[in-house]
Amino acid sequence: MARPRSDDKRAAIMAAATRIIAAQGLGAATAAIAKEAGVSNGSLFTYFDTKADLLNQLYLELKAEMGTAALGGLPAADERAQTLHMWSQWMRWATANPHKRRALAQLQVSDEITASTHEAASRTMTGMGRILERSRANGPMRDSPAALAFTLCNALAEATIDYIISDPDHADEHTQSGFDALWRMIA
């Protein structure tokens, strides 16, 4: 008979996986993740069929969390104000959660993440995508492929986040500078 699953244990496994992957990379053993979570290795596999399943679920959760944070409290305003809000919230989430950001970056490029998981993660980011699409509708990138615009946006975000982390005393100024560059690029 299968053991009942606990939401708390699953959450502990996901949090531990995030920390271990951020510190050790995707090659980290499931035993290390289980130990960090305070569960047996066998218990980990009660929640996830395989390590790849764990990685795919973690990727989805982190992308959804980042998207939710970026859109939280979105003002009913024009595209520029909404894009600035989204950008600022994204910067706050990433700098407040460096281990989640590092784990997400590794998962993003992992061969273990399936195409269907990437598609599901994209759907969690739809709100952010709509804001960027409206923002670039009349800008210099209006005829560029959306994927290119979003990839450039992400690269600019990563550079801005790195700079904020290196100089946290000026986080607001760096956030604004990064946004100004983004706005000039897309709008």
Protein backbone atom coordinates (compact mmCIF):
# COMPACT_ATOMS: atom_id res chain seq x y z
CA MET A 1 0.00 0.00 0.00
CA ALA A 2 1.33 3.41 -0.94
CA ARG A 3 2.20 5.81 1.83
CA PRO A 4 0.10 8.95 2.07
CA ARG A 5 1.80 12.03 0.74
CA SER A 6 2.37 15.13 2.83
CA ASP A 7 2.33 18.61 1.31
CA ASP A 8 4.90 19.65 3.92
CA LYS A 9 7.32 16.86 2.95
CA ARG A 10 6.90 17.63 -0.74
CA ALA A 11 7.60 21.31 -0.04
CA ALA A 12 10.67 20.36 2.02
CA ILE A 13 11.96 18.21 -0.86
CA MET A 14 11.44 21.03 -3.35
CA ALA A 15 13.16 23.57 -1.09
CA ALA A 16 16.05 21.18 -0.49
CA ALA A 17 16.35 20.42 -4.21
CA THR A 18 16.53 24.14 -4.91
CA ARG A 19 19.32 24.67 -2.38
CA ILE A 20 21.30 21.58 -3.39
CA ILE A 21 21.04 22.26 -7.14
CA ALA A 22 22.04 25.89 -6.61
CA ALA A 23 25.08 24.76 -4.62
CA GLN A 24 26.10 21.51 -6.34
CA GLY A 25 24.53 21.63 -9.78
CA LEU A 26 22.21 19.27 -11.57
CA GLY A 27 24.48 16.30 -10.96
CA ALA A 28 23.74 16.38 -7.23
CA ALA A 29 22.58 13.05 -5.87
CA THR A 30 18.97 12.54 -4.87
CA ALA A 31 20.34 11.18 -1.57
CA ALA A 32 21.81 14.63 -0.84
CA ILE A 33 18.47 16.27 -1.64
CA ALA A 34 16.61 13.79 0.57
CA LYS A 35 19.06 14.30 3.44
CA GLU A 36 18.74 18.10 3.14
CA ALA A 37 14.94 17.72 3.18
CA GLY A 38 15.03 15.47 6.23
CA VAL A 39 13.46 12.50 4.44
CA SER A 40 14.75 9.13 3.31
CA ASN A 41 15.84 8.69 -0.29
CA GLY A 42 12.97 6.24 -0.71
CA SER A 43 10.52 8.86 0.55
CA LEU A 44 11.73 11.26 -2.12
CA PHE A 45 10.64 8.75 -4.73
CA THR A 46 7.20 8.56 -3.12
CA TYR A 47 6.73 12.12 -4.36
CA PHE A 48 8.67 11.96 -7.64
CA ASP A 49 8.98 8.93 -9.91
CA THR A 50 12.50 9.82 -11.03
CA LYS A 51 15.09 12.51 -10.56
CA ALA A 52 14.04 13.90 -13.94
CA ASP A 53 10.46 14.15 -12.65
CA LEU A 54 11.72 16.09 -9.62
CA LEU A 55 13.73 18.45 -11.83
CA ASN A 56 10.79 19.07 -14.17
CA GLN A 57 8.42 19.77 -11.30
CA LEU A 58 10.97 22.07 -9.64
CA TYR A 59 11.45 23.99 -12.88
CA LEU A 60 7.69 24.50 -13.23
CA GLU A 61 7.33 25.67 -9.64
CA LEU A 62 10.21 28.12 -9.82
CA LYS A 63 9.02 29.61 -13.12
CA ALA A 64 5.49 29.96 -11.75
CA GLU A 65 6.78 31.59 -8.56
CA MET A 66 8.90 34.05 -10.51
CA GLY A 67 6.00 34.93 -12.83
CA THR A 68 3.59 35.37 -9.94
CA ALA A 69 6.07 37.61 -8.14
CA ALA A 70 6.66 39.72 -11.25
CA LEU A 71 2.95 40.30 -11.78
CA GLY A 72 1.93 40.71 -8.15
CA GLY A 73 0.14 44.00 -7.54
CA LEU A 74 0.21 44.89 -11.23
CA PRO A 75 -1.29 48.37 -11.61
CA ALA A 76 -4.09 49.12 -14.03
CA ALA A 77 -1.96 51.55 -16.00
CA ASP A 78 -0.28 52.06 -19.36
CA GLU A 79 2.26 49.62 -20.81
CA ARG A 80 5.27 51.53 -19.53
CA ALA A 81 4.04 51.58 -15.93
CA GLN A 82 3.06 47.92 -16.08
CA THR A 83 6.38 46.92 -17.63
CA LEU A 84 8.30 48.90 -15.00
CA HIS A 85 6.27 47.24 -12.24
CA MET A 86 6.86 43.77 -13.70
CA TRP A 87 10.58 44.47 -14.16
CA SER A 88 11.00 45.83 -10.62
CA GLN A 89 9.17 42.87 -9.07
CA TRP A 90 11.26 40.46 -11.15
CA MET A 91 14.46 42.11 -9.90
CA ARG A 92 13.25 41.94 -6.29
CA TRP A 93 12.32 38.26 -6.56
CA ALA A 94 15.64 37.28 -8.14
CA THR A 95 17.81 39.22 -5.70
CA ALA A 96 15.79 38.07 -2.68
CA ASN A 97 16.01 34.43 -3.82
CA PRO A 98 19.51 33.90 -5.18
CA HIS A 99 19.44 30.12 -4.69
CA LYS A 100 16.13 29.88 -6.61
CA ARG A 101 17.58 32.01 -9.38
CA ARG A 102 20.71 29.84 -9.63
CA ALA A 103 18.70 26.62 -9.63
CA LEU A 104 16.31 28.01 -12.24
CA ALA A 105 19.20 29.05 -14.49
CA GLN A 106 20.63 25.53 -14.39
CA LEU A 107 17.26 23.90 -14.94
CA GLN A 108 16.54 26.21 -17.89
CA VAL A 109 19.38 24.69 -19.89
CA SER A 110 19.10 21.12 -18.64
CA ASP A 111 18.44 18.31 -21.10
CA GLU A 112 16.32 16.71 -18.35
CA ILE A 113 13.64 19.39 -18.74
CA THR A 114 11.19 18.10 -21.32
CA ALA A 115 9.69 20.07 -24.17
CA SER A 116 6.26 19.72 -22.57
CA THR A 117 7.62 21.12 -19.30
CA HIS A 118 9.17 24.09 -21.16
CA GLU A 119 5.79 24.68 -22.81
CA ALA A 120 3.95 24.48 -19.48
CA ALA A 121 6.47 26.90 -17.95
CA SER A 122 5.91 29.30 -20.85
CA ARG A 123 2.19 29.23 -20.10
CA THR A 124 2.92 30.27 -16.50
CA MET A 125 4.75 33.28 -17.94
CA THR A 126 1.91 34.31 -20.28
CA GLY A 127 1.06 37.43 -18.28
CA MET A 128 4.61 38.70 -18.52
CA GLY A 129 4.66 37.88 -22.23
CA ARG A 130 1.46 39.85 -22.87
CA ILE A 131 2.90 42.92 -21.18
CA LEU A 132 6.10 42.70 -23.22
CA GLU A 133 4.11 42.17 -26.44
CA ARG A 134 2.02 45.30 -25.80
CA SER A 135 5.15 47.23 -24.91
CA ARG A 136 6.96 46.32 -28.12
CA ALA A 137 3.91 46.66 -30.42
CA ASN A 138 5.09 49.99 -31.83
CA GLY A 139 8.77 49.82 -30.92
CA PRO A 140 11.93 48.97 -32.81
CA MET A 141 11.51 45.24 -32.12
CA ARG A 142 7.88 45.02 -33.27
CA ASP A 143 8.82 42.97 -36.34
CA SER A 144 11.41 40.81 -34.60
CA PRO A 145 10.44 37.31 -33.47
CA ALA A 146 8.88 37.39 -30.01
CA ALA A 147 11.32 34.72 -28.82
CA LEU A 148 14.25 36.99 -29.72
CA ALA A 149 12.73 39.94 -27.86
CA PHE A 150 12.06 37.79 -24.79
CA THR A 151 15.55 36.28 -24.88
CA LEU A 152 17.12 39.74 -25.03
CA CYS A 153 14.86 40.89 -22.21
CA ASN A 154 15.97 37.94 -20.09
CA ALA A 155 19.65 38.60 -20.85
CA LEU A 156 19.24 42.22 -19.80
CA ALA A 157 17.42 41.11 -16.65
CA GLU A 158 20.20 38.68 -15.75
CA ALA A 159 22.85 41.37 -16.22
CA THR A 160 20.85 43.82 -14.11
CA ILE A 161 20.30 41.24 -11.36
CA ASP A 162 24.03 40.46 -11.27
CA TYR A 163 24.80 44.15 -10.96
CA ILE A 164 22.22 44.63 -8.17
CA ILE A 165 23.73 41.71 -6.26
CA SER A 166 27.22 43.19 -6.62
CA ASP A 167 26.05 46.64 -5.47
CA PRO A 168 22.92 46.19 -3.31
CA ASP A 169 23.16 49.68 -1.82
CA HIS A 170 22.10 51.06 -5.20
CA ALA A 171 19.55 48.39 -6.14
CA ASP A 172 16.81 50.90 -6.98
CA GLU A 173 19.07 52.88 -9.29
CA HIS A 174 20.30 49.72 -11.04
CA THR A 175 16.74 48.45 -11.40
CA GLN A 176 15.75 51.73 -13.03
CA SER A 177 18.81 51.78 -15.32
CA GLY A 178 18.09 48.23 -16.45
CA PHE A 179 14.48 49.12 -17.10
CA ASP A 180 15.46 52.24 -19.06
CA ALA A 181 17.66 50.07 -21.29
CA LEU A 182 14.85 47.55 -21.73
CA TRP A 183 12.34 50.25 -22.59
CA ARG A 184 14.64 51.81 -25.20
CA MET A 185 15.20 48.37 -26.69
CA ILE A 186 11.56 47.30 -26.99
CA ALA A 187 9.38 50.39 -26.95
